[in-house]
Structures are given as structure tokens and as C-alpha cells.
Amino acid sequence: TSWGVDVHDDGKIVWFEPATSLAATPASPVLDVPTEASSTQPATPPA
């Protein structure tokens, strides 16, 4: 009924939730791939 891939630092997890019957076409996966966050912090903490 749904399935997907989670990528993390140490590898990945491929998961699925089983349906009660086989579908005619495959469901689209849910992909969770981390992205690098950019830092815009000032040099010192605000007051």
C-alpha cells in the first residue's frame, strides 16, 4: 500500500506496508534522502 527508502549516515532502510492483494502497477516509493544544510550563523550567540 506504501513503500519507500530512508537513507541515513550508516546505510539505508527499504520498507513496505503489505497490501491484501497484488496491484496491477507498482506504487511510487517515498524517498527520504538527507540534504546538507547550509549554515548562516553569526560569529557569536545573540544576547
All heavy atoms as atom14 arrays in JSON, in Angstrom:
{
  "sequence": "TSWGVDVHDDGKIVWFEPATSLAATPASPVLDVPTEASSTQPATPPA",
  "atom14_mask": [
    [1, 1, 1, 1, 1, 1, 1, 0, 0, 0, 0, 0, 0, 0],
    [1, 1, 1, 1, 1, 1, 0, 0, 0, 0, 0, 0, 0, 0],
    [1, 1, 1, 1, 1, 1, 1, 1, 1, 1, 1, 1, 1, 1],
    [1, 1, 1, 1, 0, 0, 0, 0, 0, 0, 0, 0, 0, 0],
    [1, 1, 1, 1, 1, 1, 1, 0, 0, 0, 0, 0, 0, 0],
    [1, 1, 1, 1, 1, 1, 1, 1, 0, 0, 0, 0, 0, 0],
    [1, 1, 1, 1, 1, 1, 1, 0, 0, 0, 0, 0, 0, 0],
    [1, 1, 1, 1, 1, 1, 1, 1, 1, 1, 0, 0, 0, 0],
    [1, 1, 1, 1, 1, 1, 1, 1, 0, 0, 0, 0, 0, 0],
    [1, 1, 1, 1, 1, 1, 1, 1, 0, 0, 0, 0, 0, 0],
    [1, 1, 1, 1, 0, 0, 0, 0, 0, 0, 0, 0, 0, 0],
    [1, 1, 1, 1, 1, 1, 1, 1, 1, 0, 0, 0, 0, 0],
    [1, 1, 1, 1, 1, 1, 1, 1, 0, 0, 0, 0, 0, 0],
    [1, 1, 1, 1, 1, 1, 1, 0, 0, 0, 0, 0, 0, 0],
    [1, 1, 1, 1, 1, 1, 1, 1, 1, 1, 1, 1, 1, 1],
    [1, 1, 1, 1, 1, 1, 1, 1, 1, 1, 1, 0, 0, 0],
    [1, 1, 1, 1, 1, 1, 1, 1, 1, 0, 0, 0, 0, 0],
    [1, 1, 1, 1, 1, 1, 1, 0, 0, 0, 0, 0, 0, 0],
    [1, 1, 1, 1, 1, 0, 0, 0, 0, 0, 0, 0, 0, 0],
    [1, 1, 1, 1, 1, 1, 1, 0, 0, 0, 0, 0, 0, 0],
    [1, 1, 1, 1, 1, 1, 0, 0, 0, 0, 0, 0, 0, 0],
    [1, 1, 1, 1, 1, 1, 1, 1, 0, 0, 0, 0, 0, 0],
    [1, 1, 1, 1, 1, 0, 0, 0, 0, 0, 0, 0, 0, 0],
    [1, 1, 1, 1, 1, 0, 0, 0, 0, 0, 0, 0, 0, 0],
    [1, 1, 1, 1, 1, 1, 1, 0, 0, 0, 0, 0, 0, 0],
    [1, 1, 1, 1, 1, 1, 1, 0, 0, 0, 0, 0, 0, 0],
    [1, 1, 1, 1, 1, 0, 0, 0, 0, 0, 0, 0, 0, 0],
    [1, 1, 1, 1, 1, 1, 0, 0, 0, 0, 0, 0, 0, 0],
    [1, 1, 1, 1, 1, 1, 1, 0, 0, 0, 0, 0, 0, 0],
    [1, 1, 1, 1, 1, 1, 1, 0, 0, 0, 0, 0, 0, 0],
    [1, 1, 1, 1, 1, 1, 1, 1, 0, 0, 0, 0, 0, 0],
    [1, 1, 1, 1, 1, 1, 1, 1, 0, 0, 0, 0, 0, 0],
    [1, 1, 1, 1, 1, 1, 1, 0, 0, 0, 0, 0, 0, 0],
    [1, 1, 1, 1, 1, 1, 1, 0, 0, 0, 0, 0, 0, 0],
    [1, 1, 1, 1, 1, 1, 1, 0, 0, 0, 0, 0, 0, 0],
    [1, 1, 1, 1, 1, 1, 1, 1, 1, 0, 0, 0, 0, 0],
    [1, 1, 1, 1, 1, 0, 0, 0, 0, 0, 0, 0, 0, 0],
    [1, 1, 1, 1, 1, 1, 0, 0, 0, 0, 0, 0, 0, 0],
    [1, 1, 1, 1, 1, 1, 0, 0, 0, 0, 0, 0, 0, 0],
    [1, 1, 1, 1, 1, 1, 1, 0, 0, 0, 0, 0, 0, 0],
    [1, 1, 1, 1, 1, 1, 1, 1, 1, 0, 0, 0, 0, 0],
    [1, 1, 1, 1, 1, 1, 1, 0, 0, 0, 0, 0, 0, 0],
    [1, 1, 1, 1, 1, 0, 0, 0, 0, 0, 0, 0, 0, 0],
    [1, 1, 1, 1, 1, 1, 1, 0, 0, 0, 0, 0, 0, 0],
    [1, 1, 1, 1, 1, 1, 1, 0, 0, 0, 0, 0, 0, 0],
    [1, 1, 1, 1, 1, 1, 1, 0, 0, 0, 0, 0, 0, 0],
    [1, 1, 1, 1, 1, 0, 0, 0, 0, 0, 0, 0, 0, 0]
  ],
  "atom14_positions": [
    [[0.84, -1.2, 0.0], [0.0, 0.0, 0.0], [0.87, 1.24, 0.0], [0.47, 2.29, -0.49], [-0.92, 0.02, 1.23], [-0.12, -0.02, 2.42], [-1.86, -1.18, 1.2], [0.0, 0.0, 0.0], [0.0, 0.0, 0.0], [0.0, 0.0, 0.0], [0.0, 0.0, 0.0], [0.0, 0.0, 0.0], [0.0, 0.0, 0.0], [0.0, 0.0, 0.0]],
    [[2.07, 1.13, 0.56], [3.07, 2.19, 0.52], [4.43, 1.56, 0.79], [4.53, 0.54, 1.47], [2.76, 3.29, 1.54], [2.78, 2.77, 2.86], [0.0, 0.0, 0.0], [0.0, 0.0, 0.0], [0.0, 0.0, 0.0], [0.0, 0.0, 0.0], [0.0, 0.0, 0.0], [0.0, 0.0, 0.0], [0.0, 0.0, 0.0], [0.0, 0.0, 0.0]],
    [[5.46, 2.18, 0.24], [6.82, 1.68, 0.47], [7.79, 2.82, 0.21], [7.42, 3.85, -0.36], [7.13, 0.47, -0.42], [7.32, 0.77, -1.88], [6.36, 1.08, -2.79], [8.57, 0.8, -2.58], [6.91, 1.29, -4.03], [8.27, 1.13, -3.93], [9.89, 0.58, -2.21], [9.26, 1.24, -4.9], [10.88, 0.69, -3.17], [10.56, 1.01, -4.51]],
    [[9.02, 2.65, 0.66], [9.97, 3.73, 0.46], [11.37, 3.36, 0.9], [11.65, 2.22, 1.31], [0.0, 0.0, 0.0], [0.0, 0.0, 0.0], [0.0, 0.0, 0.0], [0.0, 0.0, 0.0], [0.0, 0.0, 0.0], [0.0, 0.0, 0.0], [0.0, 0.0, 0.0], [0.0, 0.0, 0.0], [0.0, 0.0, 0.0], [0.0, 0.0, 0.0]],
    [[12.25, 4.35, 0.82], [13.67, 4.19, 1.15], [14.08, 5.35, 2.04], [13.86, 6.51, 1.7], [14.56, 4.15, -0.11], [16.01, 3.91, 0.28], [14.07, 3.1, -1.08], [0.0, 0.0, 0.0], [0.0, 0.0, 0.0], [0.0, 0.0, 0.0], [0.0, 0.0, 0.0], [0.0, 0.0, 0.0], [0.0, 0.0, 0.0], [0.0, 0.0, 0.0]],
    [[14.69, 5.04, 3.17], [15.27, 6.05, 4.06], [16.79, 5.88, 4.03], [17.3, 4.8, 4.36], [14.8, 5.87, 5.5], [13.34, 6.19, 5.68], [12.72, 6.71, 4.73], [12.81, 5.92, 6.77], [0.0, 0.0, 0.0], [0.0, 0.0, 0.0], [0.0, 0.0, 0.0], [0.0, 0.0, 0.0], [0.0, 0.0, 0.0], [0.0, 0.0, 0.0]],
    [[17.51, 6.92, 3.64], [18.97, 6.9, 3.63], [19.46, 7.64, 4.86], [18.99, 8.75, 5.16], [19.53, 7.54, 2.35], [21.05, 7.54, 2.37], [19.02, 6.8, 1.11], [0.0, 0.0, 0.0], [0.0, 0.0, 0.0], [0.0, 0.0, 0.0], [0.0, 0.0, 0.0], [0.0, 0.0, 0.0], [0.0, 0.0, 0.0], [0.0, 0.0, 0.0]],
    [[20.39, 7.04, 5.58], [20.96, 7.68, 6.77], [22.48, 7.51, 6.74], [23.04, 6.96, 5.79], [20.35, 7.09, 8.05], [20.42, 5.59, 8.12], [21.52, 4.92, 8.57], [19.51, 4.64, 7.77], [21.31, 3.63, 8.51], [20.08, 3.42, 8.03], [0.0, 0.0, 0.0], [0.0, 0.0, 0.0], [0.0, 0.0, 0.0], [0.0, 0.0, 0.0]],
    [[23.14, 7.99, 7.78], [24.61, 8.02, 7.79], [25.23, 6.64, 7.66], [26.29, 6.48, 7.04], [25.13, 8.69, 9.07], [24.84, 10.18, 9.1], [24.56, 10.74, 8.02], [24.9, 10.78, 10.19], [0.0, 0.0, 0.0], [0.0, 0.0, 0.0], [0.0, 0.0, 0.0], [0.0, 0.0, 0.0], [0.0, 0.0, 0.0], [0.0, 0.0, 0.0]],
    [[24.59, 5.63, 8.24], [25.19, 4.29, 8.29], [24.63, 3.33, 7.25], [24.94, 2.15, 7.27], [24.99, 3.68, 9.68], [25.65, 4.52, 10.77], [26.75, 5.05, 10.51], [25.07, 4.65, 11.85], [0.0, 0.0, 0.0], [0.0, 0.0, 0.0], [0.0, 0.0, 0.0], [0.0, 0.0, 0.0], [0.0, 0.0, 0.0], [0.0, 0.0, 0.0]],
    [[23.81, 3.81, 6.33], [23.25, 2.92, 5.32], [21.86, 3.36, 4.91], [21.59, 4.55, 4.77], [0.0, 0.0, 0.0], [0.0, 0.0, 0.0], [0.0, 0.0, 0.0], [0.0, 0.0, 0.0], [0.0, 0.0, 0.0], [0.0, 0.0, 0.0], [0.0, 0.0, 0.0], [0.0, 0.0, 0.0], [0.0, 0.0, 0.0], [0.0, 0.0, 0.0]],
    [[20.98, 2.4, 4.74], [19.61, 2.73, 4.32], [18.62, 1.71, 4.85], [19.01, 0.61, 5.31], [19.5, 2.79, 2.79], [19.66, 1.47, 2.07], [19.44, 1.65, 0.58], [19.65, 0.35, -0.18], [21.05, -0.1, -0.14], [0.0, 0.0, 0.0], [0.0, 0.0, 0.0], [0.0, 0.0, 0.0], [0.0, 0.0, 0.0], [0.0, 0.0, 0.0]],
    [[17.35, 2.07, 4.79], [16.24, 1.2, 5.16], [15.26, 1.19, 4.01], [14.8, 2.25, 3.58], [15.53, 1.69, 6.44], [16.52, 1.79, 7.6], [14.37, 0.76, 6.79], [15.95, 2.52, 8.8], [0.0, 0.0, 0.0], [0.0, 0.0, 0.0], [0.0, 0.0, 0.0], [0.0, 0.0, 0.0], [0.0, 0.0, 0.0], [0.0, 0.0, 0.0]],
    [[14.95, 0.01, 3.48], [13.89, -0.13, 2.48], [12.71, -0.76, 3.19], [12.82, -1.84, 3.77], [14.34, -0.99, 1.29], [13.27, -0.99, 0.2], [15.66, -0.48, 0.72], [0.0, 0.0, 0.0], [0.0, 0.0, 0.0], [0.0, 0.0, 0.0], [0.0, 0.0, 0.0], [0.0, 0.0, 0.0], [0.0, 0.0, 0.0], [0.0, 0.0, 0.0]],
    [[11.56, -0.1, 3.17], [10.41, -0.54, 3.94], [9.17, -0.66, 3.05], [9.11, -0.06, 1.98], [10.12, 0.43, 5.08], [9.87, 1.86, 4.65], [10.8, 2.85, 4.51], [8.62, 2.45, 4.28], [10.22, 4.01, 4.08], [8.88, 3.81, 3.93], [7.31, 1.97, 4.21], [7.86, 4.67, 3.52], [6.29, 2.83, 3.8], [6.58, 4.18, 3.47]],
    [[8.21, -1.44, 3.51], [6.93, -1.53, 2.8], [5.84, -1.91, 3.79], [6.1, -2.55, 4.82], [7.0, -2.56, 1.67], [6.97, -3.99, 2.13], [5.79, -4.72, 2.16], [8.15, -4.63, 2.52], [5.76, -6.05, 2.59], [8.14, -5.95, 2.95], [6.94, -6.66, 2.98], [0.0, 0.0, 0.0], [0.0, 0.0, 0.0], [0.0, 0.0, 0.0]],
    [[4.61, -1.51, 3.47], [3.43, -1.93, 4.2], [2.63, -2.83, 3.27], [2.18, -2.39, 2.2], [2.6, -0.72, 4.64], [3.35, 0.15, 5.65], [2.46, 1.2, 6.27], [1.25, 1.24, 5.92], [2.96, 1.97, 7.1], [0.0, 0.0, 0.0], [0.0, 0.0, 0.0], [0.0, 0.0, 0.0], [0.0, 0.0, 0.0], [0.0, 0.0, 0.0]],
    [[2.47, -4.09, 3.63], [1.89, -5.06, 2.69], [0.43, -4.78, 2.38], [-0.35, -4.34, 3.24], [2.06, -6.4, 3.42], [2.18, -6.04, 4.86], [2.86, -4.71, 4.9], [0.0, 0.0, 0.0], [0.0, 0.0, 0.0], [0.0, 0.0, 0.0], [0.0, 0.0, 0.0], [0.0, 0.0, 0.0], [0.0, 0.0, 0.0], [0.0, 0.0, 0.0]],
    [[0.07, -5.05, 1.13], [-1.33, -4.94, 0.69], [-2.01, -6.3, 0.84], [-1.35, -7.32, 1.07], [-1.38, -4.49, -0.76], [0.0, 0.0, 0.0], [0.0, 0.0, 0.0], [0.0, 0.0, 0.0], [0.0, 0.0, 0.0], [0.0, 0.0, 0.0], [0.0, 0.0, 0.0], [0.0, 0.0, 0.0], [0.0, 0.0, 0.0], [0.0, 0.0, 0.0]],
    [[-3.3, -6.31, 0.71], [-4.04, -7.57, 0.79], [-4.07, -8.31, -0.54], [-4.4, -9.5, -0.59], [-5.48, -7.32, 1.26], [-6.1, -6.38, 0.37], [-5.49, -6.76, 2.68], [0.0, 0.0, 0.0], [0.0, 0.0, 0.0], [0.0, 0.0, 0.0], [0.0, 0.0, 0.0], [0.0, 0.0, 0.0], [0.0, 0.0, 0.0], [0.0, 0.0, 0.0]],
    [[-3.7, -7.61, -1.62], [-3.67, -8.25, -2.94], [-2.67, -7.52, -3.82], [-2.34, -6.35, -3.57], [-5.05, -8.26, -3.59], [-5.52, -6.94, -3.78], [0.0, 0.0, 0.0], [0.0, 0.0, 0.0], [0.0, 0.0, 0.0], [0.0, 0.0, 0.0], [0.0, 0.0, 0.0], [0.0, 0.0, 0.0], [0.0, 0.0, 0.0], [0.0, 0.0, 0.0]],
    [[-2.22, -8.2, -4.85], [-1.23, -7.63, -5.76], [-1.88, -6.58, -6.66], [-2.93, -6.82, -7.26], [-0.63, -8.76, -6.6], [0.72, -8.52, -7.28], [1.81, -8.38, -6.23], [1.04, -9.67, -8.23], [0.0, 0.0, 0.0], [0.0, 0.0, 0.0], [0.0, 0.0, 0.0], [0.0, 0.0, 0.0], [0.0, 0.0, 0.0], [0.0, 0.0, 0.0]],
    [[-1.23, -5.41, -6.76], [-1.74, -4.34, -7.62], [-1.29, -4.56, -9.06], [-0.33, -5.28, -9.33], [-1.26, -2.99, -7.12], [0.0, 0.0, 0.0], [0.0, 0.0, 0.0], [0.0, 0.0, 0.0], [0.0, 0.0, 0.0], [0.0, 0.0, 0.0], [0.0, 0.0, 0.0], [0.0, 0.0, 0.0], [0.0, 0.0, 0.0], [0.0, 0.0, 0.0]],
    [[-1.98, -3.92, -9.99], [-1.64, -4.06, -11.41], [-0.35, -3.34, -11.75], [0.4, -3.77, -12.64], [-2.79, -3.53, -12.28], [0.0, 0.0, 0.0], [0.0, 0.0, 0.0], [0.0, 0.0, 0.0], [0.0, 0.0, 0.0], [0.0, 0.0, 0.0], [0.0, 0.0, 0.0], [0.0, 0.0, 0.0], [0.0, 0.0, 0.0], [0.0, 0.0, 0.0]],
    [[-0.05, -2.24, -11.07], [1.18, -1.47, -11.31], [1.81, -1.14, -9.96], [1.11, -1.04, -8.94], [0.89, -0.17, -12.07], [-0.06, 0.61, -11.34], [0.34, -0.47, -13.46], [0.0, 0.0, 0.0], [0.0, 0.0, 0.0], [0.0, 0.0, 0.0], [0.0, 0.0, 0.0], [0.0, 0.0, 0.0], [0.0, 0.0, 0.0], [0.0, 0.0, 0.0]],
    [[3.13, -0.94, -9.93], [3.8, -0.65, -8.65], [3.48, 0.74, -8.13], [3.35, 1.7, -8.9], [5.28, -0.79, -8.99], [5.38, -0.61, -10.45], [4.09, -1.11, -11.04], [0.0, 0.0, 0.0], [0.0, 0.0, 0.0], [0.0, 0.0, 0.0], [0.0, 0.0, 0.0], [0.0, 0.0, 0.0], [0.0, 0.0, 0.0], [0.0, 0.0, 0.0]],
    [[3.33, 0.86, -6.82], [3.15, 2.16, -6.18], [4.47, 2.93, -6.21], [5.55, 2.34, -6.23], [2.69, 1.96, -4.73], [0.0, 0.0, 0.0], [0.0, 0.0, 0.0], [0.0, 0.0, 0.0], [0.0, 0.0, 0.0], [0.0, 0.0, 0.0], [0.0, 0.0, 0.0], [0.0, 0.0, 0.0], [0.0, 0.0, 0.0], [0.0, 0.0, 0.0]],
    [[4.38, 4.24, -6.23], [5.58, 5.08, -6.22], [6.2, 5.09, -4.83], [5.48, 5.15, -3.82], [5.23, 6.52, -6.64], [4.71, 6.54, -7.96], [0.0, 0.0, 0.0], [0.0, 0.0, 0.0], [0.0, 0.0, 0.0], [0.0, 0.0, 0.0], [0.0, 0.0, 0.0], [0.0, 0.0, 0.0], [0.0, 0.0, 0.0], [0.0, 0.0, 0.0]],
    [[7.52, 5.03, -4.74], [8.16, 4.99, -3.42], [8.22, 6.37, -2.76], [8.17, 7.4, -3.43], [9.57, 4.49, -3.74], [9.82, 4.98, -5.14], [8.49, 4.92, -5.85], [0.0, 0.0, 0.0], [0.0, 0.0, 0.0], [0.0, 0.0, 0.0], [0.0, 0.0, 0.0], [0.0, 0.0, 0.0], [0.0, 0.0, 0.0], [0.0, 0.0, 0.0]],
    [[8.33, 6.35, -1.44], [8.61, 7.56, -0.66], [10.11, 7.57, -0.38], [10.62, 6.68, 0.29], [7.82, 7.55, 0.67], [8.19, 8.77, 1.52], [6.33, 7.5, 0.41], [0.0, 0.0, 0.0], [0.0, 0.0, 0.0], [0.0, 0.0, 0.0], [0.0, 0.0, 0.0], [0.0, 0.0, 0.0], [0.0, 0.0, 0.0], [0.0, 0.0, 0.0]],
    [[10.81, 8.56, -0.91], [12.27, 8.64, -0.76], [12.62, 9.69, 0.29], [12.13, 10.82, 0.25], [12.94, 9.0, -2.08], [12.73, 8.02, -3.24], [13.45, 8.5, -4.49], [13.21, 6.62, -2.86], [0.0, 0.0, 0.0], [0.0, 0.0, 0.0], [0.0, 0.0, 0.0], [0.0, 0.0, 0.0], [0.0, 0.0, 0.0], [0.0, 0.0, 0.0]],
    [[13.46, 9.3, 1.23], [13.93, 10.22, 2.27], [15.45, 10.23, 2.22], [16.11, 9.38, 2.81], [13.42, 9.77, 3.64], [13.72, 10.79, 4.72], [14.36, 11.81, 4.42], [13.31, 10.57, 5.88], [0.0, 0.0, 0.0], [0.0, 0.0, 0.0], [0.0, 0.0, 0.0], [0.0, 0.0, 0.0], [0.0, 0.0, 0.0], [0.0, 0.0, 0.0]],
    [[16.0, 11.19, 1.49], [17.45, 11.3, 1.31], [17.9, 12.6, 1.95], [17.41, 13.67, 1.59], [17.83, 11.3, -0.18], [19.34, 11.38, -0.35], [17.29, 10.04, -0.86], [0.0, 0.0, 0.0], [0.0, 0.0, 0.0], [0.0, 0.0, 0.0], [0.0, 0.0, 0.0], [0.0, 0.0, 0.0], [0.0, 0.0, 0.0], [0.0, 0.0, 0.0]],
    [[18.8, 12.54, 2.94], [19.2, 13.77, 3.63], [19.94, 14.72, 2.71], [20.64, 14.32, 1.78], [20.11, 13.26, 4.76], [20.62, 11.93, 4.27], [19.51, 11.36, 3.43], [0.0, 0.0, 0.0], [0.0, 0.0, 0.0], [0.0, 0.0, 0.0], [0.0, 0.0, 0.0], [0.0, 0.0, 0.0], [0.0, 0.0, 0.0], [0.0, 0.0, 0.0]],
    [[19.78, 16.02, 2.97], [20.5, 17.06, 2.24], [21.35, 17.83, 3.22], [21.05, 17.92, 4.42], [19.52, 18.02, 1.55], [18.64, 18.58, 2.54], [18.69, 17.28, 0.51], [0.0, 0.0, 0.0], [0.0, 0.0, 0.0], [0.0, 0.0, 0.0], [0.0, 0.0, 0.0], [0.0, 0.0, 0.0], [0.0, 0.0, 0.0], [0.0, 0.0, 0.0]],
    [[22.42, 18.38, 2.72], [23.32, 19.16, 3.56], [22.71, 20.54, 3.81], [22.34, 21.24, 2.88], [24.69, 19.32, 2.88], [25.44, 18.01, 2.71], [25.8, 17.37, 4.04], [26.03, 18.14, 5.01], [25.84, 16.13, 4.13], [0.0, 0.0, 0.0], [0.0, 0.0, 0.0], [0.0, 0.0, 0.0], [0.0, 0.0, 0.0], [0.0, 0.0, 0.0]],
    [[22.6, 20.9, 5.09], [22.05, 22.21, 5.45], [23.17, 23.25, 5.48], [24.26, 22.99, 5.97], [21.37, 22.14, 6.81], [0.0, 0.0, 0.0], [0.0, 0.0, 0.0], [0.0, 0.0, 0.0], [0.0, 0.0, 0.0], [0.0, 0.0, 0.0], [0.0, 0.0, 0.0], [0.0, 0.0, 0.0], [0.0, 0.0, 0.0], [0.0, 0.0, 0.0]],
    [[22.9, 24.41, 4.91], [23.89, 25.49, 4.92], [23.77, 26.27, 6.22], [22.69, 26.43, 6.78], [23.66, 26.43, 3.74], [22.37, 26.98, 3.79], [0.0, 0.0, 0.0], [0.0, 0.0, 0.0], [0.0, 0.0, 0.0], [0.0, 0.0, 0.0], [0.0, 0.0, 0.0], [0.0, 0.0, 0.0], [0.0, 0.0, 0.0], [0.0, 0.0, 0.0]],
    [[24.89, 26.75, 6.71], [24.91, 27.47, 7.98], [25.08, 28.96, 7.72], [25.96, 29.39, 6.98], [26.07, 26.95, 8.86], [26.17, 27.7, 10.04], [0.0, 0.0, 0.0], [0.0, 0.0, 0.0], [0.0, 0.0, 0.0], [0.0, 0.0, 0.0], [0.0, 0.0, 0.0], [0.0, 0.0, 0.0], [0.0, 0.0, 0.0], [0.0, 0.0, 0.0]],
    [[24.23, 29.76, 8.36], [24.34, 31.21, 8.24], [24.42, 31.85, 9.62], [23.97, 32.96, 9.83], [23.12, 31.77, 7.48], [21.92, 31.39, 8.17], [23.08, 31.23, 6.05], [0.0, 0.0, 0.0], [0.0, 0.0, 0.0], [0.0, 0.0, 0.0], [0.0, 0.0, 0.0], [0.0, 0.0, 0.0], [0.0, 0.0, 0.0], [0.0, 0.0, 0.0]],
    [[24.98, 31.11, 10.58], [25.05, 31.62, 11.94], [26.0, 32.81, 12.05], [27.03, 32.86, 11.38], [25.54, 30.52, 12.89], [24.46, 29.58, 13.36], [24.97, 28.71, 14.5], [26.17, 28.51, 14.66], [24.05, 28.2, 15.3], [0.0, 0.0, 0.0], [0.0, 0.0, 0.0], [0.0, 0.0, 0.0], [0.0, 0.0, 0.0], [0.0, 0.0, 0.0]],
    [[25.68, 33.76, 12.93], [26.65, 34.82, 13.25], [27.81, 34.26, 14.05], [27.78, 33.1, 14.49], [25.82, 35.81, 14.06], [24.7, 34.99, 14.64], [24.41, 33.93, 13.61], [0.0, 0.0, 0.0], [0.0, 0.0, 0.0], [0.0, 0.0, 0.0], [0.0, 0.0, 0.0], [0.0, 0.0, 0.0], [0.0, 0.0, 0.0], [0.0, 0.0, 0.0]],
    [[28.82, 35.06, 14.29], [30.02, 34.59, 14.99], [29.76, 34.31, 16.46], [30.36, 33.41, 17.05], [31.15, 35.61, 14.83], [0.0, 0.0, 0.0], [0.0, 0.0, 0.0], [0.0, 0.0, 0.0], [0.0, 0.0, 0.0], [0.0, 0.0, 0.0], [0.0, 0.0, 0.0], [0.0, 0.0, 0.0], [0.0, 0.0, 0.0], [0.0, 0.0, 0.0]],
    [[28.87, 35.07, 17.08], [28.58, 34.9, 18.5], [27.07, 34.78, 18.7], [26.28, 35.29, 17.91], [29.11, 36.09, 19.32], [28.52, 37.29, 18.82], [30.63, 36.18, 19.2], [0.0, 0.0, 0.0], [0.0, 0.0, 0.0], [0.0, 0.0, 0.0], [0.0, 0.0, 0.0], [0.0, 0.0, 0.0], [0.0, 0.0, 0.0], [0.0, 0.0, 0.0]],
    [[26.66, 34.11, 19.8], [25.21, 33.97, 20.06], [24.56, 35.32, 20.31], [25.16, 36.2, 20.95], [25.17, 33.09, 21.31], [26.52, 32.47, 21.42], [27.47, 33.41, 20.8], [0.0, 0.0, 0.0], [0.0, 0.0, 0.0], [0.0, 0.0, 0.0], [0.0, 0.0, 0.0], [0.0, 0.0, 0.0], [0.0, 0.0, 0.0], [0.0, 0.0, 0.0]],
    [[23.34, 35.52, 19.85], [22.61, 36.75, 20.18], [22.4, 36.89, 21.69], [22.45, 35.91, 22.44], [21.27, 36.57, 19.45], [21.58, 35.59, 18.35], [22.62, 34.67, 18.9], [0.0, 0.0, 0.0], [0.0, 0.0, 0.0], [0.0, 0.0, 0.0], [0.0, 0.0, 0.0], [0.0, 0.0, 0.0], [0.0, 0.0, 0.0], [0.0, 0.0, 0.0]],
    [[22.15, 38.09, 22.13], [22.05, 38.37, 23.56], [20.88, 37.67, 24.22], [20.92, 37.39, 25.43], [21.95, 39.88, 23.77], [0.0, 0.0, 0.0], [0.0, 0.0, 0.0], [0.0, 0.0, 0.0], [0.0, 0.0, 0.0], [0.0, 0.0, 0.0], [0.0, 0.0, 0.0], [0.0, 0.0, 0.0], [0.0, 0.0, 0.0], [0.0, 0.0, 0.0]]
  ]
}
